Each structure stands twice: as C-alpha cells, then as structure tokens.
Protein backbone atom coordinates (compact mmCIF):
# COMPACT_ATOMS: atom_id res chain seq x y z
CA MET A 1 -1.81 98.02 -94.01
CA ASP A 2 -3.76 100.71 -95.80
CA GLU A 3 -5.80 103.71 -94.65
CA LEU A 4 -8.88 101.56 -93.97
CA ASP A 5 -6.93 99.14 -91.77
CA ALA A 6 -5.43 102.10 -89.89
CA ALA A 7 -8.88 103.60 -89.33
CA ILE A 8 -10.28 100.28 -88.09
CA LEU A 9 -7.29 99.80 -85.75
CA ALA A 10 -7.66 103.32 -84.39
CA MET A 11 -11.35 102.79 -83.61
CA LEU A 12 -10.72 99.42 -81.95
CA GLY A 13 -7.80 100.96 -80.05
CA ARG A 14 -10.20 103.45 -78.51
CA ASP A 15 -12.90 100.84 -77.83
CA GLY A 16 -11.97 97.20 -78.42
CA ARG A 17 -15.61 96.14 -77.97
CA ARG A 18 -16.95 98.45 -80.65
CA SER A 19 -19.17 96.56 -83.08
CA PHE A 20 -18.11 95.92 -86.65
CA THR A 21 -21.48 97.36 -87.70
CA SER A 22 -20.68 100.65 -85.97
CA ILE A 23 -17.19 100.80 -87.50
CA ALA A 24 -18.59 99.98 -90.92
CA ALA A 25 -21.22 102.72 -90.65
CA GLN A 26 -18.63 105.34 -89.70
CA LEU A 27 -16.30 104.33 -92.53
CA GLY A 28 -18.98 103.76 -95.15
CA LEU A 29 -18.15 100.06 -95.49
CA SER A 30 -20.08 96.83 -95.15
CA GLU A 31 -19.95 94.94 -91.86
CA GLY A 32 -18.48 91.97 -93.75
CA THR A 33 -15.59 94.07 -95.06
CA VAL A 34 -14.73 95.24 -91.55
CA ARG A 35 -15.07 91.70 -90.17
CA HIS A 36 -12.82 90.32 -92.94
CA ARG A 37 -10.16 93.01 -92.39
CA VAL A 38 -10.16 92.49 -88.61
CA GLN A 39 -9.86 88.72 -89.11
CA ARG A 40 -6.90 89.21 -91.49
CA MET A 41 -5.18 91.53 -89.01
CA THR A 42 -5.69 89.04 -86.15
CA ASP A 43 -4.55 86.10 -88.31
CA THR A 44 -1.30 87.91 -89.18
CA GLY A 45 -0.66 89.00 -85.58
CA MET A 46 -1.05 92.70 -86.38
CA LEU A 47 -4.04 92.89 -84.01
CA VAL A 48 -4.50 91.13 -80.69
CA PHE A 49 -7.53 91.59 -78.44
CA VAL A 50 -6.89 91.65 -74.68
CA ALA A 51 -8.68 92.96 -71.61
CA LEU A 52 -6.59 95.44 -69.65
CA CYS A 53 -7.27 97.15 -66.37
CA ASN A 54 -5.71 99.76 -64.14
CA PRO A 55 -3.49 97.66 -61.84
CA LEU A 56 -3.62 100.23 -59.07
CA SER A 57 -7.41 99.92 -58.89
CA LEU A 58 -6.89 96.21 -58.11
CA GLY A 59 -4.43 96.94 -55.32
CA LEU A 60 -1.43 95.82 -57.37
CA GLN A 61 1.98 97.48 -57.66
CA ALA A 62 2.87 98.94 -61.05
CA LEU A 63 6.51 99.61 -61.87
CA ARG A 64 8.36 101.05 -64.84
CA LEU A 65 12.02 100.27 -65.41
CA PHE A 66 14.56 101.90 -67.66
CA ILE A 67 17.50 99.55 -68.18
CA SER A 68 21.01 100.07 -69.53
CA VAL A 69 22.61 97.06 -71.19
CA ASP A 70 26.32 96.31 -71.11
CA ARG A 71 26.71 95.28 -74.74
CA ARG A 72 30.15 93.81 -74.02
CA VAL A 73 28.37 91.16 -71.94
CA ALA A 74 25.10 90.59 -73.83
CA ALA A 75 23.11 91.97 -76.73
CA ALA A 76 20.13 94.13 -75.84
CA GLU A 77 17.89 91.70 -77.74
CA GLU A 78 19.05 88.88 -75.41
CA VAL A 79 18.21 90.98 -72.37
CA CYS A 80 14.77 91.78 -73.81
CA ALA A 81 14.10 88.09 -74.46
CA ALA A 82 15.03 87.21 -70.86
CA LEU A 83 12.84 90.00 -69.48
CA ALA A 84 9.90 88.93 -71.64
CA GLU A 85 10.01 85.47 -70.04
CA LEU A 86 9.31 86.87 -66.56
CA PRO A 87 5.66 86.37 -65.52
CA CYS A 88 5.31 89.88 -64.09
CA THR A 89 6.39 91.78 -67.22
CA ASN A 90 3.60 93.38 -69.25
CA ARG A 91 5.71 95.23 -71.80
CA VAL A 92 9.34 94.95 -72.84
CA SER A 93 10.59 97.42 -75.43
CA LEU A 94 13.98 98.04 -76.99
CA GLY A 95 14.60 101.71 -77.70
CA THR A 96 17.02 104.55 -78.10
CA GLY A 97 18.16 107.25 -75.71
CA SER A 98 20.01 107.14 -72.43
CA ARG A 99 18.56 103.70 -71.59
CA ASP A 100 18.30 100.69 -73.90
CA VAL A 101 15.25 98.85 -72.60
CA TYR A 102 11.89 99.94 -71.19
CA VAL A 103 9.94 97.46 -69.03
CA GLU A 104 6.52 97.60 -67.38
CA LEU A 105 5.81 95.26 -64.47
CA THR A 106 2.75 94.50 -62.41
CA CYS A 107 3.26 92.77 -59.06
CA ARG A 108 0.90 91.71 -56.26
CA ASP A 109 2.75 93.72 -53.64
CA LEU A 110 6.08 95.36 -52.85
CA SER A 111 7.56 92.07 -51.68
CA GLU A 112 6.87 90.47 -55.05
CA ALA A 113 8.19 93.61 -56.75
CA GLN A 114 11.45 93.30 -54.79
CA ARG A 115 11.82 89.64 -55.82
CA ALA A 116 11.19 90.59 -59.45
CA LEU A 117 13.79 93.38 -59.29
CA ASP A 118 16.33 90.98 -57.77
CA GLU A 119 15.67 88.53 -60.58
CA ILE A 120 15.96 91.27 -63.19
CA ARG A 121 19.27 92.48 -61.73
CA SER A 122 20.63 88.94 -62.13
CA ILE A 123 19.98 88.85 -65.88
CA ARG A 124 23.25 88.69 -67.80
CA GLY A 125 24.01 92.00 -69.51
CA ILE A 126 22.01 94.38 -67.32
CA ALA A 127 24.39 97.16 -66.35
CA ASP A 128 22.04 99.53 -64.57
CA LEU A 129 18.35 100.10 -64.02
CA GLN A 130 16.19 102.99 -62.97
CA THR A 131 12.96 102.05 -61.18
CA SER A 132 9.75 104.03 -60.80
CA VAL A 133 6.83 102.85 -58.68
CA LEU A 134 3.62 104.30 -60.06
CA THR A 135 1.26 105.82 -57.56
CA ARG A 136 -1.49 107.00 -59.89
CA PHE A 137 -2.68 106.68 -63.49
CA ASP A 138 -4.13 109.84 -64.96
CA LYS A 139 -3.98 108.44 -68.46
CA ASP A 140 -2.70 105.21 -69.92
CA HIS A 141 -3.69 104.50 -73.50
CA SER A 142 -3.21 100.77 -72.98
CA TRP A 143 -6.25 100.44 -70.68
CA GLY A 144 -8.80 102.83 -72.09
CA GLY A 145 -7.46 106.11 -70.75
CA LEU A 146 -7.50 107.30 -74.35
CA ARG A 147 -11.28 106.93 -74.60
CA GLY A 148 -12.63 110.44 -74.99
CA GLY A 149 -9.12 111.89 -74.79
CA THR A 150 -6.99 113.52 -77.42
CA GLY A 151 -3.60 111.96 -76.71
CA GLN A 152 -3.19 110.27 -80.07
CA ALA A 153 -5.89 112.11 -82.00
CA GLY A 154 -3.38 113.88 -84.21
CA ALA A 155 -1.96 110.55 -85.35
CA LEU A 156 -5.31 108.98 -86.20
CA PRO A 157 -6.79 109.02 -89.69
CA ALA A 158 -9.59 111.57 -90.06
CA ALA A 159 -12.20 108.81 -90.44
CA ALA A 160 -11.17 107.31 -87.12
CA ARG A 161 -11.52 110.69 -85.40
CA GLY A 162 -15.05 111.07 -86.70
CA ALA A 163 -14.33 113.82 -89.22
CA GLY A 164 -15.52 113.03 -92.71
CA ALA A 165 -17.49 110.01 -91.57
CA ALA A 166 -19.84 110.45 -94.49
CA ARG A 167 -16.94 110.24 -96.94
CA ARG A 168 -16.24 106.68 -98.03
CA LEU A 169 -12.63 105.59 -97.71
CA THR A 170 -11.57 103.65 -100.75
CA PRO A 171 -8.86 101.02 -100.71
CA PRO A 172 -5.83 101.75 -102.90
CA ARG A 173 -6.10 100.49 -106.45
CA ARG A 174 -4.07 97.44 -107.28
CA ARG A 175 -1.61 97.73 -110.09
CA SER A 176 -1.76 95.21 -112.89
CA PRO A 177 1.21 92.82 -112.94
C-alpha cells in the first residue's frame, strides 16, 4: 500500500459511496487509476464495502465486551475464532492491556443479548468478561460518525483531508531489478 492507496482508503472510509471521479479529481488522478486501485484492494481483501447503521436507531441492543482469556485452558486466538462464529458478533479483536479480546455485539433485544452472553461464557478459555450495554452513539467511525468529524483527521494523508488537493500525488518509483 502506498500513499495513493492510503488516500483513496481514507476518502472511501469517510464516504463509501463517493465516486471514483470525485476521488480522482481531488488526487489529480484519472478515474481509471482510482477504479483499478480500488479493484486491486478489494481483490486482495484489503478493502471491503459494507452498509452499516446505528443499531440503536433500529431498536437493537448494542453491547461491547472486554474478555480475559485463561491461556492455560485455550489460546486467545482460539477464543477469537469461536467468538467470530457467533451470528451476533460484529467485531472480534485480539489486543493488549488488561483484557485480551474486544467484542462488539448487536442483538434484537435484551433477551437475545442474555442468550448470547450465556453462550459466550461457555466458550472454552474465557476466564472473565466485562459487559457494557450502549445507550447512545455520539460518534462511531464504523457507521459514518466520522463524516465531517476530525477523529482520525490527524492520521489521514493530507490529500485525503483536502489539503494540497491541487498537488498530484505520485506513486513511488520502482527500482530496477
């Protein structure tokens, strides 16, 4: 991934329906170049397009779990794989810190949430879990809360933030073999 790919990803991350023509104009590229790069990123699995919504606006229950894994019983990767198989999990991440695994769930109601938590507690290797029921989303970058915001602006390439749009980004030169 080079600076152009990063800029394209950043723009699509802010608005996944943005046209390739618009991205190309901002980056000083042809529409075909943007289309080709997006196709390559989707073919390799680097980029996946999905439609996300605020689950609370649909009357659903949104939960976040922080899970500790007893590594004498199971590897954290095994626990993550088991969690990823559950139909209500949206995100399963292995991390560092006081808890090993971070999980996001969306359930129809509290009854379904309770059944999901019971199933999660039965997964081999889970030592402890901390549960949070979300009552409001003020910002969530995974469903468009970033649009117009500045949450990740410092991490985005200048071209993706709009600065220097007139400057053409050039791909890195390839070295001769």
